Amino acid sequence: MAPQVFRTQSLVPPLHHELFLLYTILIFLSSNTIVFTSAQASNRSESDRQALLCFKSGISKGSARVLGSWRNDSLNFCGWRGVTCSTTLPIRVVSLQLRSTLLTGTLCSCMAALNSLVQLDLWNNKLSGSVPEEIGELRSLQTLMLAGNRLSGNIPLSLGTAASLRSVNLANNSLSGAIPDSLANSSSLSEIILSRNNLSGGIPANLFNSSKLAAVDLRSNALSGAIPHFQKTSALQFLDLTGNSLSGTIPASLGNASSLRSLLLAQNKLAGSIPETIGQIPNLKRVDLSNNMFSGYVPATLYNVSSLTFFSLGSNKFTGQLPYDIGHSLPNLETLAMGLNKFRGSVPDSLTNMSKLQVLDISSNLLTGVVPSLGSLANLSQLLLGDNKLEADDWAFLTSLTNCTQLLILSMDGNILNGSLPKAVGKLSTKLQRLSFGRNQISGNIPAEIGKLVSLALLDMGRNMLSGPIPLTVWNLSNLVVLKLSMNRLSGQIPSTVGNLVQLSQLHLDDNELSGNIPEKYHGKLVT
């Protein structure tokens, strides 16, 4: 008999048993992790939903119908009006955009729970109250747009510590107090728009010390003090400080803003001279330094920035002459406004090279000589040369202007123009709305052809030496609002057709030799 073989069971389980056990454990752990993660994501989503409902609670009932889809029994808040959610788990609110929806009410601090929010845009509503300090806690927020509301109080200090914030626009509100230093110290901001508020105090010293800052708009506030130095401003393209009470001089360091396109400093109390460094900014397009107290000569470097399209130095105390070659060095100008200064010399003939020029204002200076022919400026809409010492010579300049078919305003008052007004005046643009030759030495008759200027709202020929009757064609200018013919030697009968001027609000006929009756409706305030 063959011997029996006894097989003993191994104490170590086979390998596939081990793998099965490990797989079972992993499934168990994974299942619990998914449950935990899902619950956590659900909690975050519910937190966002509750924050949105909290926002709605701050909105007045009268305008809450805009948020009609925001219902407490609706779990799908991603479908609510103005709400955009992330496309990956966990589902979070990344954008809230309710522009121009007539919302009234206040902003709630509970919005801080929307900590994945990237964009908050409530532009052009009627929201009031203050900007919650908690908004600065939105660590993901990149764009804050609250412009065009009725918000008041101070700008939250916390905005300067919002690490992701790129753009802040709080324009057109009633915010007051100072601009927080924390906002100026932000290293992430590229755009700060705080215009048309009631902000006061100085501009923070470090505002122009950011290599990312591209746009600063602080116009129409009550800011005072000096303009800070410009340090790391190579990205700055737009600067508007118009309509404040800033004083001192323009810092020479402004030349460090090598990317600047628009420099708007009008309507302040700035003084001194313009630093030459501004003329070294290569791609400047718009410069407005009007309505300040600047003096001295305009740097030659600034007259050579050929990229300029808008150049306004009006209402200052600048002296010197307009460069003879200004039309060649600034060929892209659309607006040249140098009125109310102390410029001397003649009007440069080279202006005829500015083929894009639409507005030329060199009024109220000390300019002399003959007015050049500017008929080549096909786009010219406003020509303001009043209150200088300019002469007409043979009135060739007026004849040339008949080529300017876009001309709306022609102001030559307060010069020493003499001789008779040519009949060519009737060939000026039929779009012409304002024609002013008052306070000159013009003699002879008023040409009947002036009646062809059918769009005229203002006609000023007062304080000259005009004689003869007022042409009947003048009384047919149905759009006239102001007619000034006083202090001349006009004679003849005032026709009854004067009553046809239904738009007329000012009628100046005094100090002439006219006869007849003025209609009763023009008595009193209309006749001076």
Protein backbone atom coordinates (compact mmCIF):
# COMPACT_ATOMS: atom_id res chain seq x y z
CA MET A 1 0.00 0.00 0.00
CA ALA A 2 1.31 3.34 -1.00
CA PRO A 3 2.19 5.65 1.80
CA GLN A 4 -0.30 8.50 2.57
CA VAL A 5 0.81 12.05 1.98
CA PHE A 6 -0.51 14.58 4.49
CA ARG A 7 -0.98 18.23 3.12
CA THR A 8 -1.07 20.95 5.72
CA GLN A 9 -2.93 24.31 5.09
CA SER A 10 -0.56 27.25 4.77
CA LEU A 11 -0.82 29.95 7.43
CA VAL A 12 -0.10 32.62 4.77
CA PRO A 13 -3.10 33.37 2.49
CA PRO A 14 -2.55 33.30 -1.24
CA LEU A 15 -1.48 36.62 -2.92
CA HIS A 16 -4.83 37.18 -4.60
CA HIS A 17 -6.50 37.18 -1.20
CA GLU A 18 -4.21 40.01 -0.09
CA LEU A 19 -5.01 42.07 -3.17
CA PHE A 20 -8.70 41.55 -2.71
CA LEU A 21 -8.51 42.69 0.90
CA LEU A 22 -6.50 45.78 -0.05
CA TYR A 23 -8.96 46.66 -2.82
CA THR A 24 -11.86 46.34 -0.39
CA ILE A 25 -10.18 48.69 2.07
CA LEU A 26 -9.45 51.26 -0.65
CA ILE A 27 -13.03 51.16 -1.88
CA PHE A 28 -14.24 51.77 1.66
CA LEU A 29 -11.87 54.69 2.23
CA SER A 30 -12.57 56.19 -1.19
CA SER A 31 -16.29 55.94 -0.67
CA ASN A 32 -16.05 57.78 2.61
CA THR A 33 -13.73 60.41 1.10
CA ILE A 34 -16.17 61.03 -1.75
CA VAL A 35 -19.01 61.34 0.70
CA PHE A 36 -16.97 63.76 2.82
CA THR A 37 -15.78 65.82 -0.18
CA SER A 38 -19.25 65.90 -1.67
CA ALA A 39 -20.67 67.10 1.62
CA GLN A 40 -17.97 69.74 1.92
CA ALA A 41 -18.62 70.97 -1.64
CA SER A 42 -22.34 70.99 -0.95
CA ASN A 43 -21.77 73.09 2.16
CA ARG A 44 -19.72 75.62 0.18
CA SER A 45 -22.36 75.83 -2.53
CA GLU A 46 -25.10 76.29 0.05
CA SER A 47 -23.01 79.02 1.67
CA ASP A 48 -22.92 80.86 -1.67
CA ARG A 49 -26.68 80.43 -2.10
CA GLN A 50 -27.33 81.85 1.34
CA ALA A 51 -24.96 84.77 0.65
CA LEU A 52 -26.89 85.60 -2.53
CA LEU A 53 -30.18 85.49 -0.65
CA CYS A 54 -28.63 87.75 1.95
CA PHE A 55 -27.65 90.19 -0.83
CA LYS A 56 -31.25 90.10 -2.05
CA SER A 57 -32.49 90.93 1.45
CA GLY A 58 -30.67 94.26 1.23
CA ILE A 59 -32.47 95.19 -1.98
CA SER A 60 -35.62 97.27 -1.60
CA LYS A 61 -38.86 95.45 -2.36
CA GLY A 62 -39.73 97.87 -5.13
CA SER A 63 -36.76 96.74 -7.21
CA ALA A 64 -36.50 93.17 -5.89
CA ARG A 65 -38.61 91.92 -8.80
CA VAL A 66 -35.42 92.13 -10.86
CA LEU A 67 -34.27 89.25 -8.67
CA GLY A 68 -37.48 87.30 -9.12
CA SER A 69 -35.56 84.14 -10.00
CA TRP A 70 -33.68 84.37 -6.69
CA ARG A 71 -36.10 82.24 -4.67
CA ASN A 72 -35.45 80.65 -1.32
CA ASP A 73 -36.91 77.37 -2.57
CA SER A 74 -34.65 77.35 -5.63
CA LEU A 75 -31.47 75.34 -5.15
CA ASN A 76 -30.10 75.99 -8.64
CA PHE A 77 -28.67 79.42 -7.85
CA CYS A 78 -26.41 79.18 -10.91
CA GLY A 79 -29.51 79.85 -12.99
CA TRP A 80 -30.41 83.01 -11.11
CA ARG A 81 -30.29 86.27 -13.04
CA GLY A 82 -26.83 87.85 -13.07
CA VAL A 83 -25.11 84.85 -11.45
CA THR A 84 -22.31 82.90 -13.12
CA CYS A 85 -20.87 79.78 -11.51
CA SER A 86 -17.69 77.81 -11.91
CA THR A 87 -17.68 74.89 -14.34
CA THR A 88 -15.82 72.53 -12.01
CA LEU A 89 -16.51 71.16 -8.57
CA PRO A 90 -17.14 72.56 -6.11
CA ILE A 91 -19.81 74.73 -7.77
CA ARG A 92 -19.12 78.31 -6.63
CA VAL A 93 -20.31 81.77 -7.65
CA VAL A 94 -17.55 83.44 -9.70
CA SER A 95 -19.44 86.43 -11.11
CA LEU A 96 -22.34 88.62 -10.05
CA GLN A 97 -23.33 91.07 -12.78
CA LEU A 98 -26.47 93.19 -12.44
CA ARG A 99 -25.76 96.29 -14.53
CA SER A 100 -28.41 98.97 -15.08
CA THR A 101 -31.21 97.05 -13.40
CA LEU A 102 -32.53 99.96 -11.26
CA LEU A 103 -31.63 98.21 -8.02
CA THR A 104 -32.18 100.21 -4.83
CA GLY A 105 -31.15 99.29 -1.34
CA THR A 106 -27.83 98.62 0.37
CA LEU A 107 -24.92 96.22 0.10
CA CYS A 108 -24.78 93.56 2.81
CA SER A 109 -21.61 92.49 4.61
CA CYS A 110 -22.66 88.85 4.21
CA MET A 111 -21.40 89.05 0.62
CA ALA A 112 -17.99 88.23 2.10
CA ALA A 113 -19.08 84.58 2.06
CA LEU A 114 -18.77 84.61 -1.74
CA ASN A 115 -15.06 83.94 -1.40
CA SER A 116 -14.70 82.52 -4.92
CA LEU A 117 -16.19 85.64 -6.52
CA VAL A 118 -13.97 87.00 -9.30
CA GLN A 119 -16.23 89.78 -10.63
CA LEU A 120 -18.75 91.99 -8.84
CA ASP A 121 -20.47 94.36 -11.28
CA LEU A 122 -23.38 96.49 -10.06
CA TRP A 123 -22.77 99.48 -12.35
CA ASN A 124 -25.44 102.12 -12.88
CA ASN A 125 -28.01 101.29 -10.23
CA LYS A 126 -29.39 103.26 -7.28
CA LEU A 127 -27.68 101.48 -4.41
CA SER A 128 -27.04 103.59 -1.32
CA GLY A 129 -25.30 103.27 2.01
CA SER A 130 -21.63 102.44 2.42
CA VAL A 131 -19.34 99.97 0.71
CA PRO A 132 -19.00 97.10 3.22
CA GLU A 133 -15.53 96.68 4.68
CA GLU A 134 -15.99 92.93 4.24
CA ILE A 135 -15.76 93.23 0.45
CA GLY A 136 -12.01 93.42 0.91
CA GLU A 137 -12.15 89.87 2.29
CA LEU A 138 -13.12 88.46 -1.12
CA ARG A 139 -9.73 86.89 -1.75
CA SER A 140 -10.54 85.87 -5.35
CA LEU A 141 -12.08 89.19 -6.42
CA GLN A 142 -10.39 90.74 -9.45
CA THR A 143 -12.95 93.30 -10.68
CA LEU A 144 -15.05 95.54 -8.42
CA MET A 145 -17.47 97.71 -10.40
CA LEU A 146 -19.81 99.82 -8.26
CA ALA A 147 -19.79 103.00 -10.36
CA GLY A 148 -22.94 105.02 -11.00
CA ASN A 149 -24.75 104.42 -7.72
CA ARG A 150 -25.52 106.52 -4.63
CA LEU A 151 -22.98 105.03 -2.30
CA SER A 152 -21.60 107.20 0.50
CA GLY A 153 -19.12 106.99 3.34
CA ASN A 154 -15.44 106.14 3.10
CA ILE A 155 -13.63 103.78 0.76
CA PRO A 156 -12.98 100.57 2.75
CA LEU A 157 -9.39 100.22 3.92
CA SER A 158 -9.63 96.50 3.23
CA LEU A 159 -9.72 97.00 -0.55
CA GLY A 160 -6.00 97.61 -0.51
CA THR A 161 -5.38 94.18 1.00
CA ALA A 162 -7.50 92.21 -1.48
CA ALA A 163 -4.65 90.22 -2.99
CA SER A 164 -6.27 89.42 -6.34
CA LEU A 165 -7.94 92.77 -7.02
CA ARG A 166 -7.05 94.19 -10.44
CA SER A 167 -9.69 96.85 -11.08
CA VAL A 168 -11.61 99.14 -8.71
CA ASN A 169 -14.29 101.41 -10.16
CA LEU A 170 -16.29 103.44 -7.64
CA ALA A 171 -16.93 106.45 -9.90
CA ASN A 172 -20.09 108.56 -9.85
CA ASN A 173 -21.09 108.04 -6.24
CA SER A 174 -21.04 110.24 -3.11
CA LEU A 175 -18.03 108.72 -1.40
CA SER A 176 -16.12 111.00 0.93
CA GLY A 177 -12.98 111.06 3.04
CA ALA A 178 -9.46 110.30 1.92
CA ILE A 179 -8.16 107.77 -0.56
CA PRO A 180 -6.80 104.96 1.66
CA ASP A 181 -3.03 104.52 1.68
CA SER A 182 -3.67 100.78 1.55
CA LEU A 183 -5.21 101.20 -1.90
CA ALA A 184 -2.12 103.05 -3.09
CA ASN A 185 0.12 100.34 -1.65
CA SER A 186 -1.64 97.50 -3.47
CA SER A 187 0.73 95.55 -5.68
CA SER A 188 -2.02 93.92 -7.76
CA LEU A 189 -4.14 96.87 -8.92
CA SER A 190 -3.91 97.94 -12.54
CA GLU A 191 -6.94 100.28 -12.59
CA ILE A 192 -8.21 102.75 -9.98
CA ILE A 193 -11.31 104.73 -11.02
CA LEU A 194 -12.68 107.00 -8.27
CA SER A 195 -13.91 109.97 -10.31
CA ARG A 196 -16.94 112.14 -9.52
CA ASN A 197 -17.15 111.63 -5.78
CA ASN A 198 -16.51 113.90 -2.78
CA LEU A 199 -13.08 112.57 -1.91
CA SER A 200 -10.77 114.97 -0.10
CA GLY A 201 -7.25 115.14 1.27
CA GLY A 202 -4.12 114.46 -0.69
CA ILE A 203 -3.26 111.84 -3.27
CA PRO A 204 -1.43 109.02 -1.42
CA ALA A 205 2.34 109.39 -1.76
CA ASN A 206 2.85 105.83 -3.02
CA LEU A 207 0.07 105.81 -5.60
CA PHE A 208 2.48 106.09 -8.52
CA ASN A 209 4.88 103.46 -7.21
CA SER A 210 3.38 100.40 -8.87
CA SER A 211 4.75 98.71 -11.96
CA LYS A 212 1.28 97.27 -12.76
CA LEU A 213 -0.81 100.44 -12.51
CA ALA A 214 -2.18 101.31 -15.97
CA ALA A 215 -5.08 103.72 -15.33
CA VAL A 216 -5.85 106.28 -12.61
CA ASP A 217 -8.99 108.42 -12.81
CA LEU A 218 -9.58 110.75 -9.85
CA ARG A 219 -11.28 113.62 -11.67
CA SER A 220 -14.06 115.75 -10.16
CA ASN A 221 -13.32 115.33 -6.48
CA ALA A 222 -12.01 117.74 -3.83
CA LEU A 223 -8.44 116.46 -3.66
CA SER A 224 -5.76 118.93 -2.62
CA GLY A 225 -2.02 119.14 -2.15
CA ALA A 226 0.72 118.24 -4.58
CA ILE A 227 0.89 115.56 -7.25
CA PRO A 228 3.13 112.77 -5.87
CA HIS A 229 6.33 111.67 -7.56
CA PHE A 230 6.20 109.04 -10.27
CA GLN A 231 8.46 106.10 -9.54
CA LYS A 232 7.60 102.66 -10.94
CA THR A 233 5.03 103.87 -13.46
CA SER A 234 6.21 102.31 -16.69
CA ALA A 235 2.76 100.70 -17.24
CA LEU A 236 0.71 103.87 -16.63
CA GLN A 237 -1.28 104.79 -19.74
CA PHE A 238 -4.14 106.96 -18.45
CA LEU A 239 -4.01 109.69 -15.78
CA ASP A 240 -6.96 112.01 -15.12
CA LEU A 241 -6.84 114.39 -12.16
CA THR A 242 -9.14 117.01 -13.70
CA GLY A 243 -11.41 119.14 -11.52
CA ASN A 244 -9.73 119.02 -8.13
CA SER A 245 -7.82 121.58 -6.03
CA LEU A 246 -4.33 120.24 -6.60
CA SER A 247 -1.51 122.75 -6.23
CA GLY A 248 2.23 122.95 -6.70
CA THR A 249 4.01 121.94 -9.87
CA ILE A 250 3.99 118.95 -12.18
CA PRO A 251 6.81 116.70 -10.96
CA ALA A 252 9.58 116.18 -13.49
CA SER A 253 9.43 112.47 -12.62
CA LEU A 254 6.23 112.28 -14.68
CA GLY A 255 8.59 111.60 -17.55
CA ASN A 256 9.10 108.13 -16.04
CA ALA A 257 5.58 107.23 -17.18
CA SER A 258 6.92 106.18 -20.54
CA SER A 259 3.70 104.43 -21.64
CA LEU A 260 1.41 107.38 -20.89
CA ARG A 261 -1.23 108.12 -23.55
CA SER A 262 -3.53 110.58 -21.74
CA LEU A 263 -2.42 113.30 -19.29
CA LEU A 264 -5.44 115.25 -18.03
CA LEU A 265 -4.74 117.78 -15.26
CA ALA A 266 -7.22 120.56 -16.12
CA GLN A 267 -9.17 122.67 -13.61
CA ASN A 268 -6.78 122.62 -10.69
CA LYS A 269 -4.48 125.17 -9.05
CA LEU A 270 -1.25 123.92 -10.53
CA ALA A 271 1.44 126.49 -11.23
CA GLY A 272 4.99 126.88 -12.47
CA SER A 273 6.22 125.71 -15.82
CA ILE A 274 5.67 122.48 -17.72
CA PRO A 275 8.63 120.13 -17.19
CA GLU A 276 10.50 119.28 -20.37
CA THR A 277 10.35 115.60 -19.43
CA ILE A 278 6.70 115.45 -20.52
CA GLY A 279 7.85 116.04 -24.07
CA GLN A 280 9.99 112.92 -23.80
CA ILE A 281 7.00 110.60 -23.40
CA PRO A 282 6.95 109.13 -26.90
CA ASN A 283 3.32 108.16 -27.52
CA LEU A 284 1.28 110.84 -25.78
CA LYS A 285 -2.07 111.40 -27.48
CA ARG A 286 -4.02 113.68 -25.14
CA VAL A 287 -2.65 116.52 -22.98
CA ASP A 288 -5.03 118.83 -21.12
CA LEU A 289 -3.48 121.33 -18.71
CA SER A 290 -6.16 124.00 -19.13
CA ASN A 291 -7.63 126.16 -16.36
CA ASN A 292 -4.63 126.22 -14.06
CA MET A 293 -2.03 128.85 -13.20
CA PHE A 294 0.87 127.66 -15.34
CA SER A 295 3.23 130.28 -16.70
CA GLY A 296 6.38 130.64 -18.76
CA TYR A 297 7.21 129.10 -22.10
CA VAL A 298 5.82 125.82 -23.37
CA PRO A 299 8.77 123.40 -23.72
CA ALA A 300 9.87 122.87 -27.30
CA THR A 301 9.93 119.13 -26.61
CA LEU A 302 6.16 119.12 -26.10
CA TYR A 303 5.57 120.77 -29.47
CA ASN A 304 7.45 117.87 -31.04
CA VAL A 305 5.31 114.99 -29.73
CA SER A 306 3.92 114.11 -33.15
CA SER A 307 1.47 111.54 -31.75
CA LEU A 308 -0.65 114.23 -30.03
CA THR A 309 -4.30 114.40 -31.10
CA PHE A 310 -5.62 116.63 -28.28
CA PHE A 311 -3.57 119.52 -26.90
CA SER A 312 -5.18 122.03 -24.53
CA LEU A 313 -3.31 124.68 -22.55
CA GLY A 314 -6.16 127.20 -22.33
CA SER A 315 -6.80 129.56 -19.40
CA ASN A 316 -3.26 129.80 -18.05
CA LYS A 317 -0.50 132.40 -18.22
CA PHE A 318 1.74 130.93 -20.90
CA THR A 319 3.91 133.33 -22.86
CA GLY A 320 6.06 133.19 -25.97
CA GLN A 321 5.05 132.48 -29.54
CA LEU A 322 3.35 129.59 -31.24
CA PRO A 323 6.09 127.76 -33.19
CA TYR A 324 6.10 128.66 -36.88
CA ASP A 325 6.30 124.96 -37.79
CA ILE A 326 3.65 123.71 -35.32
CA GLY A 327 1.54 122.37 -38.17
CA HIS A 328 4.40 120.15 -39.29
CA SER A 329 5.53 118.97 -35.85
CA LEU A 330 1.98 118.15 -34.67
CA PRO A 331 0.34 116.81 -37.84
CA ASN A 332 -2.14 114.54 -36.04
CA LEU A 333 -3.84 117.17 -33.90
CA GLU A 334 -7.63 117.18 -33.86
CA THR A 335 -7.94 119.80 -31.11
CA LEU A 336 -5.57 122.69 -30.42
CA ALA A 337 -6.86 124.88 -27.58
CA MET A 338 -4.51 127.67 -26.44
CA GLY A 339 -7.04 130.39 -25.59
CA LEU A 340 -6.81 132.77 -22.62
CA ASN A 341 -3.03 132.98 -22.37
CA LYS A 342 -0.41 135.57 -23.28
CA PHE A 343 0.91 134.20 -26.55
CA ARG A 344 2.31 136.82 -28.91
CA GLY A 345 3.28 136.92 -32.56
CA SER A 346 1.36 135.82 -35.60
CA VAL A 347 -0.92 132.87 -36.29
CA PRO A 348 1.41 130.28 -37.90
CA ASP A 349 0.74 129.60 -41.57
CA SER A 350 1.79 125.99 -40.99
CA LEU A 351 -1.56 125.34 -39.28
CA THR A 352 -2.84 124.58 -42.77
CA ASN A 353 -0.87 121.32 -42.58
CA MET A 354 -3.03 120.01 -39.72
CA SER A 355 -5.41 118.14 -42.01
CA LYS A 356 -7.13 116.38 -39.09
CA LEU A 357 -7.79 119.56 -37.09
CA GLN A 358 -11.38 119.95 -35.89
CA VAL A 359 -11.08 122.58 -33.15
CA LEU A 360 -8.70 125.56 -33.20
CA ASP A 361 -8.99 127.90 -30.22
CA ILE A 362 -6.31 130.57 -29.86
CA SER A 363 -8.69 133.26 -28.64
CA SER A 364 -7.91 135.82 -25.92
CA ASN A 365 -4.18 136.14 -26.50
CA LEU A 366 -1.96 138.92 -27.86
CA LEU A 367 -1.70 137.62 -31.42
CA THR A 368 -1.20 140.09 -34.25
CA GLY A 369 -1.04 140.15 -38.03
CA VAL A 370 -3.30 138.84 -40.75
CA VAL A 371 -5.47 135.78 -40.27
CA PRO A 372 -4.07 133.03 -42.53
CA SER A 373 -6.25 131.18 -45.01
CA LEU A 374 -7.32 127.94 -43.34
CA GLY A 375 -9.60 126.58 -46.04
CA SER A 376 -7.51 123.42 -46.40
CA LEU A 377 -8.71 122.24 -42.98
CA ALA A 378 -11.63 120.20 -44.30
CA ASN A 379 -12.56 118.81 -40.87
CA LEU A 380 -12.60 122.14 -39.04
CA SER A 381 -15.75 122.57 -36.93
CA GLN A 382 -14.73 125.32 -34.49
CA LEU A 383 -12.49 128.31 -35.24
CA LEU A 384 -12.07 130.62 -32.26
CA LEU A 385 -9.75 133.59 -32.88
CA GLY A 386 -11.55 136.26 -30.86
CA ASP A 387 -10.00 138.84 -28.52
CA ASN A 388 -6.63 139.23 -30.18
CA LYS A 389 -5.26 141.99 -32.41
CA LEU A 390 -5.78 140.28 -35.74
CA GLU A 391 -6.43 142.01 -39.05
CA ALA A 392 -8.49 140.99 -42.07
CA ASP A 393 -6.47 142.53 -44.91
CA ASP A 394 -8.49 141.53 -47.99
CA TRP A 395 -10.71 139.05 -46.08
CA ALA A 396 -9.14 136.19 -48.02
CA PHE A 397 -9.26 134.06 -44.88
CA LEU A 398 -13.07 134.27 -44.85
CA THR A 399 -13.35 133.28 -48.50
CA SER A 400 -11.07 130.29 -47.86
CA LEU A 401 -13.30 129.13 -45.00
CA THR A 402 -16.11 128.45 -47.47
CA ASN A 403 -14.26 125.18 -48.14
CA CYS A 404 -14.75 124.11 -44.50
CA THR A 405 -18.09 122.38 -44.88
CA GLN A 406 -18.13 121.10 -41.28
CA LEU A 407 -17.74 124.53 -39.67
CA LEU A 408 -20.14 125.06 -36.75
CA ILE A 409 -18.56 127.99 -34.89
CA LEU A 410 -16.65 130.99 -36.27
CA SER A 411 -15.67 133.52 -33.63
CA MET A 412 -13.63 136.57 -34.66
CA ASP A 413 -14.97 139.11 -32.15
CA GLY A 414 -12.71 141.59 -30.38
CA ASN A 415 -10.03 142.06 -33.06
CA ILE A 416 -9.20 144.95 -35.40
CA LEU A 417 -10.90 143.63 -38.52
CA ASN A 418 -11.88 146.46 -40.83
CA GLY A 419 -13.38 147.03 -44.24
CA SER A 420 -16.62 145.55 -45.50
CA LEU A 421 -17.78 142.04 -44.79
CA PRO A 422 -17.64 140.22 -48.16
CA LYS A 423 -20.64 138.51 -49.72
CA ALA A 424 -18.67 135.25 -49.42
CA VAL A 425 -19.93 135.09 -45.83
CA GLY A 426 -23.10 133.61 -47.30
CA LYS A 427 -21.11 130.70 -48.71
CA LEU A 428 -19.92 129.50 -45.34
CA SER A 429 -21.14 126.10 -44.19
CA THR A 430 -24.90 125.82 -43.92
CA LYS A 431 -24.17 123.95 -40.67
CA LEU A 432 -22.76 127.12 -39.09
CA GLN A 433 -24.48 127.78 -35.75
CA ARG A 434 -22.47 130.64 -34.26
CA LEU A 435 -21.03 133.59 -36.21
CA SER A 436 -19.40 136.34 -34.19
CA PHE A 437 -17.70 139.45 -35.63
CA GLY A 438 -18.59 141.79 -32.75
CA ARG A 439 -16.23 144.46 -31.37
CA ASN A 440 -14.24 145.08 -34.55
CA GLN A 441 -14.05 147.97 -37.02
CA ILE A 442 -16.15 146.47 -39.81
CA SER A 443 -17.96 149.03 -41.94
CA GLY A 444 -20.42 149.01 -44.83
CA ASN A 445 -23.64 147.05 -45.09
CA ILE A 446 -24.52 143.67 -43.69
CA PRO A 447 -24.53 141.38 -46.77
CA ALA A 448 -27.98 140.01 -47.56
CA GLU A 449 -26.24 136.68 -48.30
CA ILE A 450 -25.85 136.14 -44.57
CA GLY A 451 -29.45 134.93 -44.66
CA LYS A 452 -28.27 131.74 -46.36
CA LEU A 453 -26.74 130.54 -43.09
CA VAL A 454 -29.96 128.79 -42.14
CA SER A 455 -28.58 127.00 -39.05
CA LEU A 456 -27.42 130.16 -37.25
CA ALA A 457 -28.40 130.27 -33.58
CA LEU A 458 -26.13 133.20 -32.71
CA LEU A 459 -25.25 136.18 -34.91
CA ASP A 460 -23.10 138.85 -33.28
CA MET A 461 -22.18 141.92 -35.33
CA GLY A 462 -22.44 144.40 -32.47
CA ARG A 463 -20.00 147.23 -31.75
CA ASN A 464 -18.79 147.82 -35.30
CA MET A 465 -19.36 150.63 -37.81
CA LEU A 466 -22.02 148.92 -39.90
CA SER A 467 -24.51 151.10 -41.71
CA GLY A 468 -27.60 150.79 -43.87
CA PRO A 469 -30.65 148.65 -43.20
CA ILE A 470 -30.75 145.23 -41.61
CA PRO A 471 -31.28 142.82 -44.53
CA LEU A 472 -34.72 141.24 -44.59
CA THR A 473 -32.99 137.87 -44.95
CA VAL A 474 -31.76 138.15 -41.35
CA TRP A 475 -35.35 138.08 -40.11
CA ASN A 476 -35.85 134.77 -41.89
CA LEU A 477 -33.17 132.96 -39.86
CA SER A 478 -35.72 130.88 -37.97
CA ASN A 479 -33.15 129.18 -35.70
CA LEU A 480 -31.77 132.42 -34.24
CA VAL A 481 -31.64 132.47 -30.45
CA VAL A 482 -29.31 135.47 -30.02
CA LEU A 483 -29.08 138.46 -32.39
CA LYS A 484 -26.60 141.20 -31.47
CA LEU A 485 -26.47 144.24 -33.75
CA SER A 486 -26.19 146.99 -31.13
CA MET A 487 -23.79 149.97 -31.21
CA ASN A 488 -23.55 150.37 -35.00
CA ARG A 489 -24.94 152.92 -37.46
CA LEU A 490 -27.76 150.79 -38.78
CA SER A 491 -30.82 152.61 -40.05
CA GLY A 492 -34.20 151.91 -41.57
CA GLN A 493 -37.39 150.28 -40.42
CA ILE A 494 -37.61 147.28 -38.12
CA PRO A 495 -39.92 144.98 -40.09
CA SER A 496 -42.90 143.21 -38.61
CA THR A 497 -41.32 139.93 -39.70
CA VAL A 498 -39.04 140.13 -36.66
CA GLY A 499 -41.89 138.30 -34.96
CA ASN A 500 -41.11 135.23 -37.06
CA LEU A 501 -38.01 134.52 -34.97
CA VAL A 502 -39.80 132.19 -32.59
CA GLN A 503 -36.57 130.85 -31.02
CA LEU A 504 -35.20 134.30 -30.18
CA SER A 505 -34.31 134.91 -26.53
CA GLN A 506 -31.92 137.88 -26.89
CA LEU A 507 -32.37 140.78 -29.28
CA HIS A 508 -29.79 143.58 -29.14
CA LEU A 509 -30.59 146.52 -31.43
CA ASP A 510 -29.77 149.46 -29.15
CA ASP A 511 -27.54 152.41 -30.12
CA ASN A 512 -28.45 152.45 -33.81
CA GLU A 513 -30.65 154.70 -35.96
CA LEU A 514 -33.46 152.22 -36.40
CA SER A 515 -37.15 153.08 -36.36
CA GLY A 516 -40.35 151.15 -36.00
CA ASN A 517 -41.82 148.97 -33.31
CA ILE A 518 -40.46 145.84 -31.73
CA PRO A 519 -43.18 143.22 -31.10
CA GLU A 520 -44.43 143.22 -27.54
CA LYS A 521 -43.28 139.67 -26.91
CA TYR A 522 -39.66 140.87 -27.20
CA HIS A 523 -40.09 143.66 -24.67
CA GLY A 524 -38.34 143.55 -21.33
CA LYS A 525 -35.76 140.82 -20.94
CA LEU A 526 -35.27 140.27 -24.67
CA VAL A 527 -34.30 143.84 -25.56
CA THR A 528 -31.14 145.31 -24.06
